[in-house]
N, C-alpha and C. Protein backbone atom coordinates (compact mmCIF):
# COMPACT_ATOMS: atom_id res chain seq x y z
N MET A 1 34.53 4.37 -20.12
CA MET A 1 33.15 4.74 -20.30
C MET A 1 32.97 6.19 -19.88
N ASN A 2 32.37 6.96 -20.72
CA ASN A 2 32.11 8.36 -20.42
C ASN A 2 30.63 8.54 -20.09
N LEU A 3 30.37 8.90 -18.85
CA LEU A 3 29.01 9.17 -18.43
C LEU A 3 28.78 10.67 -18.45
N PRO A 4 27.54 11.09 -18.72
CA PRO A 4 27.26 12.52 -18.67
C PRO A 4 27.58 13.08 -17.29
N GLU A 5 28.24 14.20 -17.27
CA GLU A 5 28.63 14.81 -16.01
C GLU A 5 27.40 15.20 -15.19
N GLY A 6 27.42 14.87 -13.92
CA GLY A 6 26.33 15.23 -13.02
C GLY A 6 25.12 14.31 -13.11
N LYS A 7 25.18 13.27 -13.92
CA LYS A 7 24.06 12.34 -14.06
C LYS A 7 24.42 11.00 -13.42
N VAL A 8 23.52 10.48 -12.62
CA VAL A 8 23.74 9.20 -11.96
C VAL A 8 22.44 8.40 -12.04
N ILE A 9 22.56 7.12 -12.33
CA ILE A 9 21.40 6.22 -12.27
C ILE A 9 21.58 5.33 -11.05
N ILE A 10 20.61 5.36 -10.17
CA ILE A 10 20.67 4.57 -8.95
C ILE A 10 19.73 3.37 -9.11
N THR A 11 20.28 2.18 -8.91
CA THR A 11 19.49 0.95 -8.94
C THR A 11 19.38 0.42 -7.52
N ALA A 12 18.17 0.10 -7.11
CA ALA A 12 17.95 -0.43 -5.76
C ALA A 12 17.44 -1.86 -5.85
N SER A 13 18.09 -2.73 -5.11
CA SER A 13 17.65 -4.12 -4.99
C SER A 13 17.48 -4.39 -3.50
N HIS A 14 16.24 -4.39 -3.05
CA HIS A 14 16.00 -4.43 -1.61
C HIS A 14 15.57 -5.79 -1.07
N ASN A 15 15.40 -6.76 -1.95
CA ASN A 15 15.17 -8.13 -1.46
C ASN A 15 15.74 -9.11 -2.48
N GLY A 16 16.27 -10.19 -1.99
CA GLY A 16 16.87 -11.18 -2.87
C GLY A 16 15.91 -12.32 -3.13
N ALA A 17 16.31 -13.18 -4.04
CA ALA A 17 15.44 -14.30 -4.39
C ALA A 17 15.33 -15.32 -3.26
N PHE A 18 16.39 -15.45 -2.47
CA PHE A 18 16.38 -16.51 -1.45
C PHE A 18 16.64 -16.03 -0.03
N VAL A 19 16.90 -14.76 0.15
CA VAL A 19 17.11 -14.23 1.50
C VAL A 19 15.74 -14.05 2.15
N THR A 20 15.61 -14.55 3.36
CA THR A 20 14.34 -14.48 4.09
C THR A 20 14.53 -13.73 5.40
N LYS A 21 13.44 -13.50 6.08
CA LYS A 21 13.50 -12.83 7.38
C LYS A 21 14.28 -13.65 8.40
N CYS A 22 14.37 -14.96 8.19
CA CYS A 22 15.17 -15.80 9.09
C CYS A 22 16.65 -15.41 8.99
N LEU A 23 17.09 -15.03 7.81
CA LEU A 23 18.48 -14.62 7.61
C LEU A 23 18.69 -13.14 7.92
N ASN A 24 17.68 -12.33 7.61
CA ASN A 24 17.76 -10.89 7.85
C ASN A 24 16.35 -10.38 8.12
N PRO A 25 16.05 -10.00 9.34
CA PRO A 25 14.69 -9.58 9.68
C PRO A 25 14.22 -8.32 8.96
N ASN A 26 15.12 -7.63 8.27
CA ASN A 26 14.75 -6.41 7.57
C ASN A 26 14.36 -6.63 6.11
N VAL A 27 14.44 -7.86 5.63
CA VAL A 27 14.12 -8.15 4.24
C VAL A 27 12.60 -8.09 4.03
N PRO A 28 12.14 -7.28 3.07
CA PRO A 28 10.70 -7.26 2.80
C PRO A 28 10.26 -8.53 2.07
N GLU A 29 9.19 -9.15 2.56
CA GLU A 29 8.70 -10.40 1.97
C GLU A 29 7.27 -10.28 1.46
N GLN A 30 6.41 -9.65 2.22
CA GLN A 30 5.01 -9.51 1.82
C GLN A 30 4.87 -8.38 0.80
N THR A 31 3.82 -8.43 0.00
CA THR A 31 3.61 -7.45 -1.06
C THR A 31 3.66 -6.02 -0.53
N ALA A 32 2.99 -5.76 0.58
CA ALA A 32 2.97 -4.39 1.13
C ALA A 32 4.37 -3.96 1.58
N GLU A 33 5.14 -4.88 2.15
CA GLU A 33 6.50 -4.56 2.58
C GLU A 33 7.40 -4.28 1.38
N ILE A 34 7.27 -5.09 0.33
CA ILE A 34 8.08 -4.90 -0.87
C ILE A 34 7.73 -3.57 -1.52
N ALA A 35 6.44 -3.25 -1.59
CA ALA A 35 6.01 -1.99 -2.18
C ALA A 35 6.53 -0.80 -1.38
N GLN A 36 6.47 -0.88 -0.06
CA GLN A 36 6.97 0.21 0.78
C GLN A 36 8.48 0.38 0.60
N ALA A 37 9.21 -0.73 0.54
CA ALA A 37 10.66 -0.65 0.32
C ALA A 37 10.96 -0.02 -1.04
N ALA A 38 10.16 -0.35 -2.04
CA ALA A 38 10.33 0.25 -3.37
C ALA A 38 10.14 1.76 -3.30
N LEU A 39 9.11 2.20 -2.60
CA LEU A 39 8.89 3.63 -2.43
C LEU A 39 10.00 4.29 -1.63
N ASP A 40 10.45 3.62 -0.59
CA ASP A 40 11.53 4.16 0.23
C ASP A 40 12.80 4.35 -0.58
N CYS A 41 12.99 3.53 -1.61
CA CYS A 41 14.17 3.66 -2.48
C CYS A 41 13.94 4.69 -3.58
N SER A 42 12.73 4.74 -4.11
CA SER A 42 12.49 5.63 -5.25
C SER A 42 12.33 7.09 -4.83
N ASN A 43 11.77 7.34 -3.66
CA ASN A 43 11.58 8.73 -3.23
C ASN A 43 12.89 9.52 -3.16
N PRO A 44 13.98 8.94 -2.66
CA PRO A 44 15.24 9.70 -2.66
C PRO A 44 15.96 9.70 -4.02
N GLY A 45 15.45 8.94 -4.99
CA GLY A 45 16.05 9.05 -6.31
C GLY A 45 16.38 7.78 -7.06
N ALA A 46 16.08 6.61 -6.53
CA ALA A 46 16.37 5.39 -7.28
C ALA A 46 15.53 5.39 -8.56
N ALA A 47 16.18 5.13 -9.69
CA ALA A 47 15.50 5.13 -10.98
C ALA A 47 15.07 3.73 -11.40
N ILE A 48 15.72 2.72 -10.86
CA ILE A 48 15.44 1.33 -11.22
C ILE A 48 15.25 0.54 -9.93
N LEU A 49 14.19 -0.25 -9.88
CA LEU A 49 13.93 -1.11 -8.73
C LEU A 49 14.01 -2.56 -9.17
N HIS A 50 14.92 -3.30 -8.59
CA HIS A 50 15.09 -4.73 -8.88
C HIS A 50 14.34 -5.49 -7.80
N ILE A 51 13.23 -6.12 -8.18
CA ILE A 51 12.33 -6.71 -7.20
C ILE A 51 12.20 -8.22 -7.42
N HIS A 52 12.22 -8.97 -6.32
CA HIS A 52 11.92 -10.39 -6.34
C HIS A 52 10.56 -10.57 -5.68
N ALA A 53 9.62 -11.16 -6.39
CA ALA A 53 8.28 -11.37 -5.85
C ALA A 53 8.26 -12.59 -4.94
N ARG A 54 7.33 -12.58 -4.00
CA ARG A 54 7.13 -13.69 -3.08
C ARG A 54 5.65 -14.07 -3.11
N ASP A 55 5.37 -15.34 -2.87
CA ASP A 55 3.98 -15.76 -2.78
C ASP A 55 3.47 -15.53 -1.35
N GLU A 56 2.25 -15.97 -1.08
CA GLU A 56 1.65 -15.72 0.25
C GLU A 56 2.39 -16.42 1.38
N ASN A 57 3.23 -17.41 1.05
CA ASN A 57 4.04 -18.10 2.06
C ASN A 57 5.48 -17.60 2.08
N CYS A 58 5.73 -16.48 1.41
CA CYS A 58 7.04 -15.83 1.36
C CYS A 58 8.07 -16.62 0.55
N HIS A 59 7.61 -17.53 -0.30
CA HIS A 59 8.53 -18.26 -1.18
C HIS A 59 8.72 -17.47 -2.47
N PRO A 60 9.93 -17.48 -3.04
CA PRO A 60 10.16 -16.78 -4.31
C PRO A 60 9.20 -17.29 -5.40
N THR A 61 8.70 -16.37 -6.19
CA THR A 61 7.80 -16.72 -7.29
C THR A 61 8.05 -15.80 -8.47
N GLY A 62 7.79 -16.29 -9.63
CA GLY A 62 7.95 -15.48 -10.83
C GLY A 62 6.65 -15.37 -11.60
N THR A 63 5.53 -15.60 -10.91
CA THR A 63 4.25 -15.57 -11.61
C THR A 63 3.89 -14.17 -12.06
N LYS A 64 3.27 -14.11 -13.22
CA LYS A 64 2.82 -12.83 -13.75
C LYS A 64 1.84 -12.16 -12.79
N ALA A 65 0.96 -12.96 -12.20
CA ALA A 65 -0.05 -12.41 -11.28
C ALA A 65 0.59 -11.72 -10.09
N GLN A 66 1.63 -12.31 -9.52
CA GLN A 66 2.28 -11.71 -8.35
C GLN A 66 2.99 -10.41 -8.73
N PHE A 67 3.64 -10.40 -9.89
CA PHE A 67 4.31 -9.17 -10.32
C PHE A 67 3.31 -8.08 -10.68
N GLU A 68 2.17 -8.47 -11.26
CA GLU A 68 1.11 -7.49 -11.54
C GLU A 68 0.60 -6.87 -10.25
N GLU A 69 0.40 -7.71 -9.23
CA GLU A 69 -0.06 -7.20 -7.93
C GLU A 69 0.96 -6.24 -7.34
N LEU A 70 2.24 -6.62 -7.38
CA LEU A 70 3.29 -5.74 -6.87
C LEU A 70 3.30 -4.41 -7.62
N LYS A 71 3.24 -4.47 -8.93
CA LYS A 71 3.25 -3.26 -9.74
C LYS A 71 2.08 -2.35 -9.37
N ASN A 72 0.89 -2.94 -9.23
CA ASN A 72 -0.29 -2.14 -8.89
C ASN A 72 -0.18 -1.52 -7.51
N VAL A 73 0.31 -2.26 -6.54
CA VAL A 73 0.45 -1.72 -5.19
C VAL A 73 1.50 -0.60 -5.17
N ILE A 74 2.62 -0.80 -5.85
CA ILE A 74 3.67 0.23 -5.89
C ILE A 74 3.16 1.49 -6.57
N ARG A 75 2.48 1.35 -7.67
CA ARG A 75 2.00 2.53 -8.41
C ARG A 75 0.91 3.29 -7.69
N HIS A 76 0.18 2.64 -6.78
CA HIS A 76 -0.90 3.32 -6.07
C HIS A 76 -0.53 3.77 -4.67
N LYS A 77 0.73 3.64 -4.30
CA LYS A 77 1.18 4.10 -2.97
C LYS A 77 1.48 5.56 -3.04
């Protein structure tokens, strides 16, 4: 594979679907924590953010509403 010289795409995945604070206290679970982690990754240059949404009880969720909320919070930070 030939990549353009000097070009790098950085992908950040800062929370997993099933990893919780019980397993790692640094894992972002709440919307504000996930949004801050996304910013912390994008400011130094991450081009892609791989995000797992959580509901109000910190359980993994794939609802459109939760992802919309995350998107809005990230874009307005």
